[in-house]
C-alpha atoms as a PDB file:
ATOM      1  CA  UNK A   1     260.731 130.421 269.888  1.00  0.00           C
ATOM      2  CA  UNK A   2     262.814 130.309 272.294  1.00  0.00           C
ATOM      3  CA  UNK A   3     264.864 132.146 271.258  1.00  0.00           C
ATOM      4  CA  UNK A   4     262.045 134.778 272.242  1.00  0.00           C
ATOM      5  CA  UNK A   5     263.144 134.183 275.664  1.00  0.00           C
ATOM      6  CA  UNK A   6     266.761 133.050 275.594  1.00  0.00           C
ATOM      7  CA  UNK A   7     268.457 135.666 272.730  1.00  0.00           C
ATOM      8  CA  UNK A   8     271.929 134.413 273.808  1.00  0.00           C
ATOM      9  CA  UNK A   9     270.555 130.342 272.759  1.00  0.00           C
ATOM     10  CA  UNK A  10     272.177 129.369 269.661  1.00  0.00           C
ATOM     11  CA  UNK A  11     269.610 128.168 266.204  1.00  0.00           C
ATOM     12  CA  UNK A  12     269.430 124.979 265.040  1.00  0.00           C
ATOM     13  CA  UNK A  13     270.871 123.901 261.547  1.00  0.00           C
ATOM     14  CA  UNK A  14     268.216 124.251 259.338  1.00  0.00           C
ATOM     15  CA  UNK A  15     266.923 120.670 257.664  1.00  0.00           C
ATOM     16  CA  UNK A  16     267.034 120.598 253.719  1.00  0.00           C
ATOM     17  CA  UNK A  17     262.632 121.613 253.137  1.00  0.00           C
ATOM     18  CA  UNK A  18     260.985 118.269 251.297  1.00  0.00           C
ATOM     19  CA  UNK A  19     261.252 120.666 248.455  1.00  0.00           C
ATOM     20  CA  UNK A  20     262.439 123.538 247.686  1.00  0.00           C
ATOM     21  CA  UNK A  21     259.115 126.055 247.097  1.00  0.00           C
ATOM     22  CA  UNK A  22     257.585 123.768 250.898  1.00  0.00           C
ATOM     23  CA  UNK A  23     258.452 125.716 253.823  1.00  0.00           C
ATOM     24  CA  UNK A  24     260.471 124.149 256.029  1.00  0.00           C
ATOM     25  CA  UNK A  25     259.853 124.391 260.063  1.00  0.00           C
ATOM     26  CA  UNK A  26     263.328 126.211 261.382  1.00  0.00           C
ATOM     27  CA  UNK A  27     263.574 127.920 259.373  1.00  0.00           C
ATOM     28  CA  UNK A  28     259.536 129.313 258.936  1.00  0.00           C
ATOM     29  CA  UNK A  29     259.792 129.325 262.920  1.00  0.00           C
ATOM     30  CA  UNK A  30     263.249 132.231 262.727  1.00  0.00           C
ATOM     31  CA  UNK A  31     260.407 134.237 259.991  1.00  0.00           C
ATOM     32  CA  UNK A  32     258.362 134.308 262.352  1.00  0.00           C
ATOM     33  CA  UNK A  33     260.282 135.053 265.674  1.00  0.00           C
ATOM     34  CA  UNK A  34     261.442 138.139 263.943  1.00  0.00           C
ATOM     35  CA  UNK A  35     257.933 138.835 262.679  1.00  0.00           C
ATOM     36  CA  UNK A  36     256.696 138.546 266.583  1.00  0.00           C
ATOM     37  CA  UNK A  37     260.102 140.396 268.481  1.00  0.00           C
ATOM     38  CA  UNK A  38     259.452 143.034 270.479  1.00  0.00           C
ATOM     39  CA  UNK A  39     260.419 145.647 267.787  1.00  0.00           C
ATOM     40  CA  UNK A  40     258.416 144.175 264.737  1.00  0.00           C
ATOM     41  CA  UNK A  41     254.971 143.169 266.848  1.00  0.00           C
ATOM     42  CA  UNK A  42     254.190 142.472 263.542  1.00  0.00           C
ATOM     43  CA  UNK A  43     251.586 139.254 264.845  1.00  0.00           C
ATOM     44  CA  UNK A  44     248.855 139.864 262.445  1.00  0.00           C
ATOM     45  CA  UNK A  45     251.423 139.413 259.471  1.00  0.00           C
ATOM     46  CA  UNK A  46     253.014 136.247 260.938  1.00  0.00           C
ATOM     47  CA  UNK A  47     249.305 134.856 261.726  1.00  0.00           C
ATOM     48  CA  UNK A  48     248.397 134.907 258.029  1.00  0.00           C
ATOM     49  CA  UNK A  49     252.071 134.358 256.622  1.00  0.00           C
ATOM     50  CA  UNK A  50     251.027 130.640 258.737  1.00  0.00           C
ATOM     51  CA  UNK A  51     247.248 130.796 258.112  1.00  0.00           C
ATOM     52  CA  UNK A  52     247.581 130.681 253.950  1.00  0.00           C
ATOM     53  CA  UNK A  53     250.548 127.599 254.816  1.00  0.00           C
ATOM     54  CA  UNK A  54     247.965 124.931 253.561  1.00  0.00           C
ATOM     55  CA  UNK A  55     245.719 126.497 250.970  1.00  0.00           C
ATOM     56  CA  UNK A  56     249.973 126.863 249.813  1.00  0.00           C
ATOM     57  CA  UNK A  57     250.045 123.139 249.659  1.00  0.00           C
ATOM     58  CA  UNK A  58     247.474 122.670 247.891  1.00  0.00           C
ATOM     59  CA  UNK A  59     248.323 125.058 245.699  1.00  0.00           C
ATOM     60  CA  UNK A  60     251.800 123.366 245.402  1.00  0.00           C
ATOM     61  CA  UNK A  61     250.100 119.868 244.771  1.00  0.00           C
ATOM     62  CA  UNK A  62     247.047 121.110 242.431  1.00  0.00           C
ATOM     63  CA  UNK A  63     250.195 122.204 240.159  1.00  0.00           C
ATOM     64  CA  UNK A  64     252.059 118.542 240.484  1.00  0.00           C
ATOM     65  CA  UNK A  65     254.558 120.707 241.945  1.00  0.00           C
ATOM     66  CA  UNK A  66     254.314 118.505 244.500  1.00  0.00           C
ATOM     67  CA  UNK A  67     252.297 115.380 245.779  1.00  0.00           C
ATOM     68  CA  UNK A  68     249.988 114.615 248.033  1.00  0.00           C
ATOM     69  CA  UNK A  69     252.256 112.462 250.580  1.00  0.00           C
ATOM     70  CA  UNK A  70     254.859 115.706 250.752  1.00  0.00           C
ATOM     71  CA  UNK A  71     251.575 118.064 251.577  1.00  0.00           C
ATOM     72  CA  UNK A  72     251.233 115.605 253.915  1.00  0.00           C
ATOM     73  CA  UNK A  73     254.496 115.312 255.332  1.00  0.00           C
ATOM     74  CA  UNK A  74     255.238 119.292 255.412  1.00  0.00           C
ATOM     75  CA  UNK A  75     252.243 119.487 257.043  1.00  0.00           C
ATOM     76  CA  UNK A  76     253.572 117.273 259.875  1.00  0.00           C
ATOM     77  CA  UNK A  77     256.302 119.042 260.293  1.00  0.00           C
ATOM     78  CA  UNK A  78     254.484 122.549 261.051  1.00  0.00           C
ATOM     79  CA  UNK A  79     252.660 121.149 264.123  1.00  0.00           C
ATOM     80  CA  UNK A  80     254.490 121.557 266.499  1.00  0.00           C
ATOM     81  CA  UNK A  81     254.983 125.367 265.925  1.00  0.00           C
ATOM     82  CA  UNK A  82     251.072 124.988 265.075  1.00  0.00           C
ATOM     83  CA  UNK A  83     250.840 124.346 268.964  1.00  0.00           C
ATOM     84  CA  UNK A  84     253.572 127.009 269.882  1.00  0.00           C
ATOM     85  CA  UNK A  85     251.454 129.913 267.779  1.00  0.00           C
ATOM     86  CA  UNK A  86     248.541 128.973 269.225  1.00  0.00           C
ATOM     87  CA  UNK A  87     249.977 128.886 272.925  1.00  0.00           C
ATOM     88  CA  UNK A  88     251.350 131.986 271.972  1.00  0.00           C
ATOM     89  CA  UNK A  89     247.556 133.927 270.169  1.00  0.00           C
ATOM     90  CA  UNK A  90     246.148 132.634 273.162  1.00  0.00           C
ATOM     91  CA  UNK A  91     248.445 135.143 275.558  1.00  0.00           C
ATOM     92  CA  UNK A  92     247.774 137.983 272.920  1.00  0.00           C
ATOM     93  CA  UNK A  93     244.508 139.438 274.262  1.00  0.00           C
ATOM     94  CA  UNK A  94     244.731 142.347 271.760  1.00  0.00           C
ATOM     95  CA  UNK A  95     243.215 140.275 269.605  1.00  0.00           C
ATOM     96  CA  UNK A  96     241.483 137.207 270.225  1.00  0.00           C
ATOM     97  CA  UNK A  97     240.723 136.960 266.872  1.00  0.00           C
ATOM     98  CA  UNK A  98     244.290 135.295 266.399  1.00  0.00           C
ATOM     99  CA  UNK A  99     244.037 132.553 269.129  1.00  0.00           C
ATOM    100  CA  UNK A 100     240.035 131.963 266.634  1.00  0.00           C
ATOM    101  CA  UNK A 101     241.283 131.328 263.991  1.00  0.00           C
ATOM    102  CA  UNK A 102     244.423 129.063 264.943  1.00  0.00           C
ATOM    103  CA  UNK A 103     242.503 127.092 266.256  1.00  0.00           C
ATOM    104  CA  UNK A 104     241.309 126.107 262.692  1.00  0.00           C
ATOM    105  CA  UNK A 105     244.541 126.016 260.814  1.00  0.00           C
ATOM    106  CA  UNK A 106     244.687 122.135 261.743  1.00  0.00           C
ATOM    107  CA  UNK A 107     241.161 120.980 259.547  1.00  0.00           C
ATOM    108  CA  UNK A 108     242.482 123.875 257.074  1.00  0.00           C
ATOM    109  CA  UNK A 109     245.700 121.567 256.956  1.00  0.00           C
ATOM    110  CA  UNK A 110     244.053 118.448 256.274  1.00  0.00           C
ATOM    111  CA  UNK A 111     241.566 119.234 253.596  1.00  0.00           C
ATOM    112  CA  UNK A 112     243.034 117.769 250.684  1.00  0.00           C
ATOM    113  CA  UNK A 113     242.592 118.934 246.822  1.00  0.00           C
ATOM    114  CA  UNK A 114     239.521 117.880 245.258  1.00  0.00           C
ATOM    115  CA  UNK A 115     238.810 115.209 243.345  1.00  0.00           C
ATOM    116  CA  UNK A 116     236.930 115.685 239.943  1.00  0.00           C
ATOM    117  CA  UNK A 117     235.619 112.896 238.465  1.00  0.00           C
END
C-alpha cells in the first residue's frame, strides 16, 4: 500500500506462499493496490477479493488440500494487510459498507471448519 503513496518504491521480492493455492501477502497486496489505483478504482472488487479469503482457505481445508495450521498461518500473514485495508476503507466515504464489512473479516477468518460427529 505504501507504493500508492510512493510509486518509485521498489517492491520486495515476495516470499514463497505457504501452499500454491494460498494467497501470499506481498503478491496479494500488489494486486489489490493495482485494483484500487487511481486509474482503476475497483474498490469493491478489491474488497470482495479480500473478503473471500477466509472462505477460500476453509474450502481448501475442507477438501484436505491444506490443514488447519496452514489456514491459521496464512490468515495471520494477512493480518497486516487487513489493518491497512481497514484504514483505506474507513477513508473511502463513497461506500461505508466496505469499512463495516472489513471490520467483520477477522471474525470470519477465525472461524474453523464445523466438526461433524
